[in-house]
Protein backbone atom coordinates (compact mmCIF):
# COMPACT_ATOMS: atom_id res chain seq x y z
CA MET A 1 -3.45 -13.94 45.28
CA ALA A 2 -3.54 -14.72 41.56
CA ARG A 3 -0.09 -16.31 41.74
CA THR A 4 -1.19 -18.50 44.65
CA ALA A 5 -4.30 -19.54 42.73
CA ARG A 6 -2.19 -20.64 39.76
CA GLN A 7 0.17 -22.60 42.02
CA VAL A 8 -2.66 -24.37 43.86
CA THR A 9 -4.43 -25.36 40.63
CA ALA A 10 -1.32 -26.46 38.75
CA GLY A 11 -2.09 -29.59 36.73
CA ALA A 12 -5.84 -28.96 36.51
CA THR A 13 -7.11 -29.49 32.98
CA ASN A 14 -10.37 -27.52 33.15
CA PRO A 15 -12.11 -24.86 35.27
CA TYR A 16 -14.03 -27.44 37.31
CA ASP A 17 -10.84 -29.26 38.31
CA GLN A 18 -9.35 -25.89 39.25
CA ALA A 19 -12.34 -25.19 41.49
CA VAL A 20 -12.05 -28.56 43.23
CA LYS A 21 -8.33 -28.02 43.80
CA LEU A 22 -9.05 -24.64 45.37
CA GLN A 23 -11.71 -26.14 47.64
CA ASP A 24 -9.46 -29.00 48.74
CA TRP A 25 -6.57 -26.62 49.40
CA PHE A 26 -8.66 -24.50 51.74
CA ALA A 27 -10.53 -27.34 53.44
CA VAL A 28 -7.94 -30.13 53.56
CA THR A 29 -4.41 -29.73 52.29
CA GLY A 30 -3.57 -26.06 52.78
CA GLY A 31 -3.15 -26.08 56.55
CA PHE A 32 -6.00 -23.63 57.20
CA GLU A 33 -7.76 -23.46 60.57
CA TYR A 34 -11.33 -22.49 61.37
CA ASP A 35 -11.23 -19.63 63.89
CA THR A 36 -14.01 -17.14 64.66
CA GLN A 37 -11.82 -14.89 66.81
CA VAL A 38 -9.67 -13.44 64.04
CA GLN A 39 -9.98 -9.83 62.94
CA VAL A 40 -12.38 -9.34 60.02
CA GLY A 41 -10.49 -6.60 58.19
CA SER A 42 -11.62 -5.29 54.82
CA GLY A 43 -10.64 -5.15 51.16
CA SER A 44 -8.02 -7.09 49.24
CA GLN A 45 -5.49 -6.71 52.07
CA ALA A 46 -7.77 -8.73 54.33
CA ILE A 47 -7.75 -11.59 51.81
CA ALA A 48 -3.96 -11.40 51.51
CA ARG A 49 -3.60 -11.47 55.30
CA PHE A 50 -5.96 -14.46 55.52
CA LEU A 51 -3.95 -16.40 52.91
CA LYS A 52 -0.81 -15.68 54.92
CA ASP A 53 -2.11 -16.43 58.44
CA LYS A 54 -4.41 -19.28 57.33
CA GLN A 55 -6.92 -18.63 60.10
CA GLY A 56 -10.48 -17.44 59.68
CA PHE A 57 -14.12 -18.41 59.41
CA CYS A 58 -16.60 -18.98 56.61
CA VAL A 59 -16.58 -15.49 55.11
CA HIS A 60 -12.77 -15.49 54.90
CA PHE A 61 -12.73 -18.87 53.13
CA SER A 62 -15.65 -18.02 50.83
CA PHE A 63 -14.45 -14.61 49.65
CA ALA A 64 -10.86 -15.82 49.28
CA MET A 65 -11.91 -18.79 47.13
CA ALA A 66 -14.26 -16.61 45.05
CA ALA A 67 -11.53 -14.01 44.47
CA MET A 68 -8.98 -16.68 43.51
CA ALA A 69 -11.48 -18.33 41.16
CA ARG A 70 -12.10 -14.99 39.45
CA SER A 71 -8.36 -14.50 39.03
CA LEU A 72 -8.43 -17.79 37.07
CA GLY A 73 -11.25 -16.56 34.85
CA ILE A 74 -14.02 -18.53 36.59
CA PRO A 75 -17.14 -16.45 37.37
CA ALA A 76 -17.71 -16.59 41.12
CA ARG A 77 -19.99 -15.15 43.76
CA VAL A 78 -20.50 -15.57 47.51
CA ALA A 79 -23.82 -16.74 48.91
CA VAL A 80 -24.74 -15.76 52.46
CA GLY A 81 -27.31 -17.78 54.35
CA PHE A 82 -27.55 -20.34 57.12
CA ALA A 83 -26.15 -23.74 57.95
CA PRO A 84 -28.51 -26.49 59.21
CA GLY A 85 -29.88 -25.52 62.61
CA SER A 86 -30.37 -27.42 65.86
CA PRO A 87 -32.98 -30.23 66.05
CA GLN A 88 -35.62 -29.65 68.72
CA ALA A 89 -37.52 -32.12 70.88
CA ASP A 90 -40.72 -31.61 68.91
CA GLY A 91 -39.00 -32.58 65.68
CA SER A 92 -38.54 -29.05 64.36
CA VAL A 93 -35.19 -27.45 63.58
CA SER A 94 -34.14 -24.16 65.15
CA VAL A 95 -32.05 -21.85 62.95
CA GLY A 96 -30.61 -18.68 64.48
CA LEU A 97 -27.92 -16.07 63.87
CA ARG A 98 -25.31 -18.43 65.26
CA ASP A 99 -25.99 -20.63 62.21
CA ALA A 100 -25.09 -17.85 59.76
CA HIS A 101 -22.85 -19.21 57.02
CA ALA A 102 -21.29 -18.18 53.71
CA TRP A 103 -20.09 -20.30 50.81
CA PRO A 104 -18.78 -19.63 47.29
CA GLU A 105 -20.66 -20.49 44.12
CA LEU A 106 -18.82 -20.82 40.80
CA TYR A 107 -20.40 -20.67 37.37
CA PHE A 108 -19.76 -23.35 34.73
CA GLU A 109 -21.15 -23.19 31.21
CA GLY A 110 -23.97 -25.68 30.75
CA VAL A 111 -24.26 -26.33 34.49
CA GLY A 112 -24.90 -22.99 36.15
CA TRP A 113 -23.96 -21.75 39.61
CA THR A 114 -22.40 -24.56 41.61
CA ARG A 115 -21.81 -24.64 45.36
CA PHE A 116 -18.42 -25.37 46.93
CA GLU A 117 -17.42 -25.67 50.58
CA PRO A 118 -13.88 -24.48 51.34
CA THR A 119 -14.49 -23.90 55.08
CA PRO A 120 -13.09 -26.77 57.20
CA ASN A 121 -15.38 -28.19 59.90
CA ARG A 122 -18.28 -26.03 58.77
CA GLY A 123 -20.91 -27.20 56.34
CA SER A 124 -20.35 -30.22 54.13
CA MET A 125 -18.33 -30.71 50.98
CA PRO A 126 -20.66 -31.32 48.01
CA SER A 127 -20.54 -34.97 47.05
CA TYR A 128 -19.77 -34.12 43.42
CA THR A 129 -16.41 -32.67 44.48
CA LEU A 130 -15.23 -35.83 46.26
CA PRO A 131 -13.12 -38.45 44.42
CA ASP A 132 -14.93 -41.66 43.48
CA THR A 133 -12.27 -43.53 41.53
CA PRO A 134 -12.00 -47.32 42.06
CA GLY A 135 -9.89 -48.20 45.07
CA SER A 136 -10.36 -44.79 46.69
CA SER A 137 -10.67 -44.85 50.44
CA VAL A 138 -13.27 -42.10 50.33
CA PRO A 139 -16.89 -43.26 50.69
CA ASP A 140 -18.95 -42.94 47.51
CA PRO A 141 -21.81 -40.60 48.50
CA ALA A 142 -24.99 -40.52 46.48
CA ARG A 143 -24.62 -38.05 43.66
CA PRO A 144 -27.24 -35.30 43.41
CA THR A 145 -29.92 -35.57 40.76
CA GLN A 146 -30.19 -32.99 38.00
CA SER A 147 -32.94 -31.24 39.95
CA ALA A 148 -30.95 -31.15 43.17
CA SER A 149 -30.29 -27.69 44.52
CA ALA A 150 -26.78 -26.37 45.00
CA ALA A 151 -27.93 -24.62 48.20
CA PRO A 152 -27.04 -26.00 51.66
CA SER A 153 -29.00 -29.11 52.59
CA PRO A 154 -32.01 -28.42 54.86
CA THR A 155 -31.19 -31.47 56.97
CA PRO A 156 -28.10 -31.90 59.14
CA SER A 157 -25.17 -33.75 57.57
CA ALA A 158 -23.02 -36.19 59.48
CA ARG A 159 -19.96 -34.82 57.72
CA GLU A 160 -20.19 -31.29 59.13
CA SER A 161 -18.14 -31.99 62.27
CA CYS A 162 -15.49 -34.00 60.44
CA THR A 163 -11.94 -32.79 60.59
CA PRO A 164 -10.25 -32.36 57.20
CA GLU A 165 -8.32 -35.58 57.81
CA GLN A 166 -11.45 -37.57 58.71
CA ARG A 167 -13.10 -36.46 55.51
CA ARG A 168 -10.43 -38.34 53.57
CA LEU A 169 -10.65 -41.51 55.67
CA ASP A 170 -12.92 -44.48 55.01
CA GLY A 171 -16.12 -43.90 56.95
CA GLY A 172 -14.39 -41.41 59.21
CA CYS A 173 -17.61 -39.67 60.20
CA ALA A 174 -20.21 -42.26 59.26
CA SER A 175 -21.13 -43.01 62.88
CA GLU A 176 -21.65 -39.42 63.92
CA SER A 177 -25.14 -38.35 64.92
CA PRO A 178 -26.75 -35.43 63.08
CA ALA A 179 -26.70 -33.28 66.20
CA ALA A 180 -22.93 -33.67 66.51
CA ALA A 181 -22.48 -32.06 63.13
CA LEU A 182 -24.27 -28.86 64.10
CA PRO A 183 -22.43 -25.79 65.37
CA THR A 184 -22.59 -24.91 69.03
CA ASP A 185 -23.53 -21.50 70.33
CA ASP A 186 -19.92 -20.35 70.27
CA ASP A 187 -18.42 -21.73 67.07
CA GLY A 188 -20.33 -19.71 64.49
CA PRO A 189 -19.28 -16.29 63.30
CA LYS A 190 -21.30 -13.32 64.43
CA TRP A 191 -23.84 -12.03 61.93
CA TYR A 192 -22.24 -8.60 61.84
CA ALA A 193 -18.87 -10.15 60.95
CA ILE A 194 -20.44 -11.89 57.96
CA LEU A 195 -22.14 -8.64 56.96
CA ALA A 196 -18.86 -6.72 57.26
CA TRP A 197 -17.04 -9.25 55.09
CA ALA A 198 -19.89 -9.31 52.59
CA LEU A 199 -19.69 -5.52 52.26
CA ALA A 200 -15.89 -5.67 52.04
CA GLY A 201 -16.04 -8.30 49.31
CA LEU A 202 -18.63 -6.28 47.44
CA ALA A 203 -16.38 -3.23 47.66
CA VAL A 204 -13.43 -5.21 46.28
CA LEU A 205 -15.52 -6.27 43.29
CA VAL A 206 -17.31 -2.95 42.68
CA LEU A 207 -14.61 -0.34 43.35
CA PRO A 208 -12.70 -1.05 40.11
CA LEU A 209 -15.94 -0.33 38.23
CA ALA A 210 -16.73 2.88 40.14
CA PRO A 211 -15.24 5.27 37.52
CA MET A 212 -17.23 3.64 34.73
CA LEU A 213 -20.46 3.65 36.76
CA TRP A 214 -19.98 7.29 37.73
CA ARG A 215 -19.32 8.24 34.11
CA LEU A 216 -22.41 6.42 32.85
CA ARG A 217 -24.53 8.12 35.49
CA THR A 218 -23.11 11.55 34.65
CA ARG A 219 -23.73 11.05 30.93
CA SER A 220 -27.30 9.97 31.60
CA VAL A 221 -27.99 13.09 33.67
CA ARG A 222 -26.42 15.49 31.17
CA LEU A 223 -28.14 14.02 28.13
CA GLY A 224 -31.36 13.00 29.86
CA ALA A 225 -34.74 14.64 29.79
CA HIS A 226 -34.56 18.35 30.57
CA GLY A 227 -36.89 21.22 30.05
CA ARG A 228 -36.72 22.57 26.52
CA GLY A 229 -38.05 26.07 27.16
CA ASP A 230 -36.04 29.26 26.82
CA ALA A 231 -35.33 29.27 30.56
CA ASP A 232 -33.66 25.85 30.28
CA ALA A 233 -31.63 26.62 27.18
CA LEU A 234 -28.51 27.78 29.00
CA PRO A 235 -28.09 24.97 31.60
CA HIS A 236 -29.03 22.23 29.14
CA THR A 237 -26.71 23.45 26.38
CA LEU A 238 -23.78 23.87 28.78
CA ALA A 239 -24.40 20.37 30.21
CA VAL A 240 -24.35 18.90 26.70
CA TRP A 241 -21.12 20.78 25.91
CA GLN A 242 -19.55 19.50 29.13
CA GLU A 243 -20.47 15.97 28.13
CA LEU A 244 -18.92 16.44 24.69
CA THR A 245 -15.63 17.77 26.06
CA ASP A 246 -15.50 15.07 28.75
CA THR A 247 -16.10 12.38 26.13
CA ALA A 248 -13.22 13.76 24.08
CA TRP A 249 -11.12 13.77 27.26
CA ASP A 250 -11.94 10.10 27.88
CA PHE A 251 -10.47 9.38 24.44
CA GLY A 252 -7.29 11.31 25.26
CA ILE A 253 -8.09 14.90 24.20
CA VAL A 254 -7.49 16.95 27.34
CA PRO A 255 -9.82 19.99 27.45
CA ASP A 256 -8.37 23.48 27.09
CA GLU A 257 -10.57 25.79 29.13
CA SER A 258 -8.86 28.89 27.72
CA GLN A 259 -10.27 28.36 24.22
CA THR A 260 -13.60 29.57 22.89
CA PRO A 261 -16.20 26.89 22.12
CA ARG A 262 -15.55 27.31 18.39
CA LYS A 263 -11.78 26.82 18.73
CA ALA A 264 -12.27 23.97 21.22
CA ALA A 265 -14.56 22.23 18.73
CA ALA A 266 -12.01 22.61 15.93
CA ARG A 267 -9.35 21.17 18.23
CA ILE A 268 -11.50 18.13 19.07
CA VAL A 269 -12.19 17.53 15.36
CA ARG A 270 -8.49 17.80 14.50
CA LEU A 271 -7.04 15.72 17.36
CA GLY A 272 -9.85 13.18 17.19
CA SER A 273 -9.49 12.68 13.41
CA LEU A 274 -13.26 12.89 13.10
CA ASP A 275 -15.13 12.21 9.89
CA ALA A 276 -17.42 14.80 8.33
CA THR A 277 -20.57 13.64 10.13
CA ALA A 278 -19.01 13.64 13.60
CA ALA A 279 -17.21 16.93 12.91
CA ALA A 280 -20.45 18.63 11.91
CA SER A 281 -22.08 17.43 15.14
CA VAL A 282 -19.23 18.86 17.24
CA HIS A 283 -19.49 22.24 15.52
CA ARG A 284 -23.28 22.34 15.96
CA VAL A 285 -22.90 21.85 19.71
CA ALA A 286 -20.22 24.57 19.86
CA ASN A 287 -22.44 26.98 17.90
CA ALA A 288 -25.30 26.30 20.31
CA VAL A 289 -23.02 27.09 23.25
CA GLU A 290 -21.97 30.41 21.73
CA GLN A 291 -25.61 31.24 21.04
CA VAL A 292 -26.75 30.73 24.66
CA LEU A 293 -23.69 32.53 26.04
CA TYR A 294 -23.69 35.60 23.83
CA ALA A 295 -27.14 36.01 22.27
CA PRO A 296 -29.47 38.61 23.86
CA GLN A 297 -32.07 35.90 24.37
CA PRO A 298 -30.79 32.28 24.70
CA ARG A 299 -32.84 29.80 22.67
CA PRO A 300 -32.84 25.99 22.90
CA THR A 301 -31.31 24.08 19.99
CA ALA A 302 -32.89 20.79 18.97
CA GLY A 303 -30.87 17.63 18.41
CA LEU A 304 -27.86 18.40 20.63
CA THR A 305 -28.09 15.08 22.46
CA ASP A 306 -27.94 13.20 19.15
CA ASP A 307 -25.02 15.38 18.08
CA VAL A 308 -23.05 14.36 21.17
CA ARG A 309 -23.75 10.69 20.54
CA ARG A 310 -22.61 10.99 16.91
CA ALA A 311 -19.45 12.78 18.03
CA ALA A 312 -18.76 10.05 20.60
CA ALA A 313 -19.21 7.38 17.94
CA GLY A 314 -16.76 9.22 15.69
CA LEU A 315 -14.17 9.48 18.47
CA SER A 316 -14.55 5.78 19.23
CA ALA A 317 -14.21 4.78 15.58
CA ALA A 318 -10.97 6.73 15.20
CA VAL A 319 -9.05 4.93 17.98
CA GLY A 320 -7.91 1.39 18.70
CA ARG A 321 -9.52 -1.14 20.99
CA PRO A 322 -7.25 -0.43 24.02
CA THR A 323 -8.17 3.26 23.95
CA ARG A 324 -11.87 2.45 23.61
CA LEU A 325 -11.64 0.04 26.54
CA ARG A 326 -9.90 2.61 28.71
CA ALA A 327 -12.45 5.27 27.79
CA LEU A 328 -15.18 2.91 29.00
CA VAL A 329 -13.63 1.32 32.10
CA ALA A 330 -11.23 4.05 33.29
CA PRO A 331 -12.46 7.34 31.80
CA ARG A 332 -10.00 10.18 32.31
CA SER A 333 -12.73 12.74 32.96
CA THR A 334 -13.56 11.14 36.32
CA VAL A 335 -10.69 13.19 37.72
CA ARG A 336 -13.36 15.89 38.04
CA VAL A 337 -14.64 13.97 41.06
CA LEU A 338 -11.29 14.39 42.79
CA TRP A 339 -11.27 18.07 41.91
CA ALA A 340 -14.76 18.49 43.35
CA VAL A 341 -13.85 16.67 46.56
CA SER A 342 -10.67 18.74 46.89
CA ALA A 343 -12.61 21.98 46.39
CA TRP A 344 -15.20 20.91 48.94
CA TRP A 345 -12.52 20.04 51.48
CA SER A 346 -10.76 23.35 50.90
CA GLY A 347 -14.03 25.16 51.55
CA VAL A 348 -14.56 23.23 54.78
CA ARG A 349 -11.06 24.10 55.96
CA GLU A 350 -11.50 27.78 55.11
CA ARG A 351 -14.78 27.95 57.02
CA ALA A 352 -13.19 26.18 60.00
CA LEU A 353 -10.26 28.61 60.02
CA ALA A 354 -12.64 31.56 59.78
CA LEU A 355 -14.59 30.31 62.80
CA ARG A 356 -11.51 29.62 64.91
CA PRO A 357 -11.07 33.24 66.20
CA ALA A 358 -14.72 33.28 67.27
CA TRP A 359 -14.24 29.99 69.14
CA ARG A 360 -11.16 31.33 70.89
CA LYS A 361 -12.95 34.54 71.83
CA ALA A 362 -15.91 32.65 73.22
CA SER A 363 -13.59 30.32 75.14
CA GLY A 364 -11.70 33.30 76.62
CA GLN A 365 -14.91 34.97 77.78
CA GLN A 366 -16.03 31.79 79.51
CA GLY A 367 -12.65 31.47 81.23
């Protein structure tokens, strides 16, 4: 996808020109066809299949253009809403689910989020993306004012039913009536298809951030507000210790569960090349763990949360930028999620196997 985006935008001198080239490729020059009968699919493979088959409807075009724009470093999002509806005899306009539509919006510094229309025969290309050089055969539409909205126009556009070729001809759709530009009952994508593609696109954008989001949530829970009474000393102290060892793991220090807290702390200090302040914080947390594990009466220790944060700052300061970035975006300790899922699945299988003889016995009695 990224390679295709670079090929399509070759020769563009700025992000805006790249965006226009992407729009024109989808809507005019790329050989794409508007088709509501194609399979929706999901994830990045659906976008790759769409770019290969070149058939789809608005959500395919919108998410594909947004993904390609992001691969070029242009912030992009997909807006989901409605195209202009059908004019009624009383002068009102009826808008229903058949008018559901999606379009990409790209962000440009100093301008903001800007609408584009890559879907052929659906919606209208924004006038600011059409060429207006002298001698061009394309009509010169009125440019939007600074206060004009980038959202779809509330009134029907005569350009909506234009074919890609007619859009590039002089006055190719000028004589069309507004009603001719509106979709019929059968040409719009179903609302659930748009929803499915919206969720799929969201998953494509969010999934790479899932480890980081899970890690931030876990850290917040472990270091968050807990009871500070004697009864809470053990779970809180062990949660703080788990956070400390997982933080060290994120920076490349794999935990050794066979070691005592004191030896594990010394190992973190040594492998993490911690300064005196961070090292003291690590040892204080380890001492608190030994106290709640082995003392006759566990007691809460104040300041453990701050100690973990100081230790994390020391670990971060001792490594290079790539390691810090990986610890943030792809923390190693998230493998615990896979371990937990695997353990849960093993438990489910064991319970199912244990129940199987009872099922067979019951089945035999019924027979």
